[in-house]
Amino acid sequence: MINLIEKNKSGSSQEQIQFILSDLQTFKKNEKALHLFSQYLSILKNTANFPDLKKATSDVRNLDNQMADYIAKESERAFALQDQGKTEEADALFAKANQLSPNNIDVINILGVRSYQKQDYKNALLYLNRADSLSPNSVQTLSNIGLVYHAIYDYKSALDYFKAALKIKTDIPEIYNNI
């Protein structure tokens, strides 16, 4: 994205947008590029006034929605593979989804749970703590972190996370079983 902008930096704002729009489909499956493009459009919005800006902004929103749909479909496919016992293929799809959408809490949680299931507790905590930082009141994330701490015999931390989850939602029998 930056290279595209730099290549056409000398043109007017409208020329820059046209240049980027002509290659917008290349950003379809890259959340970081879309985010950067959105920021670029915001800057241009403050410095330029032309009709293509509305279309460009709309195109970015549409691509963001397409990205979310794509991630959801890939995740469904990964779950199906996991159910068929094809865990390596499922893990590869989850990792791909994470690369495409690194702030997707559901994907990050899944990667944390998959790491937990493989007894890779260090990575499980990395993923789950990231999910917790993105969505601090997620009962699922808090209880998953509690499970990881329980597995590594850090019962105090596990209890803290289970209690935090129960403060948000009290009717989770699985958590009571772990306390």
Foldseek 3Di string as FASTA:
>chain_A
DVVLCVVCVPDDPVVSLVSCVVVVVVCLQAVVVLVVVLVVLVVVVVVDDDDVSVVSNVVSVVSVVSNVVVLVVLQVVLVVCVVVVNNVVSLVSLVSNCRSPVLDLVSLQVNLVVCVVVVVLVSNCVSLVSSCVSPVQDLSSLQSNLVSCVVVVVNVSSVVSLVSSCVNPVPDVVSVVSD
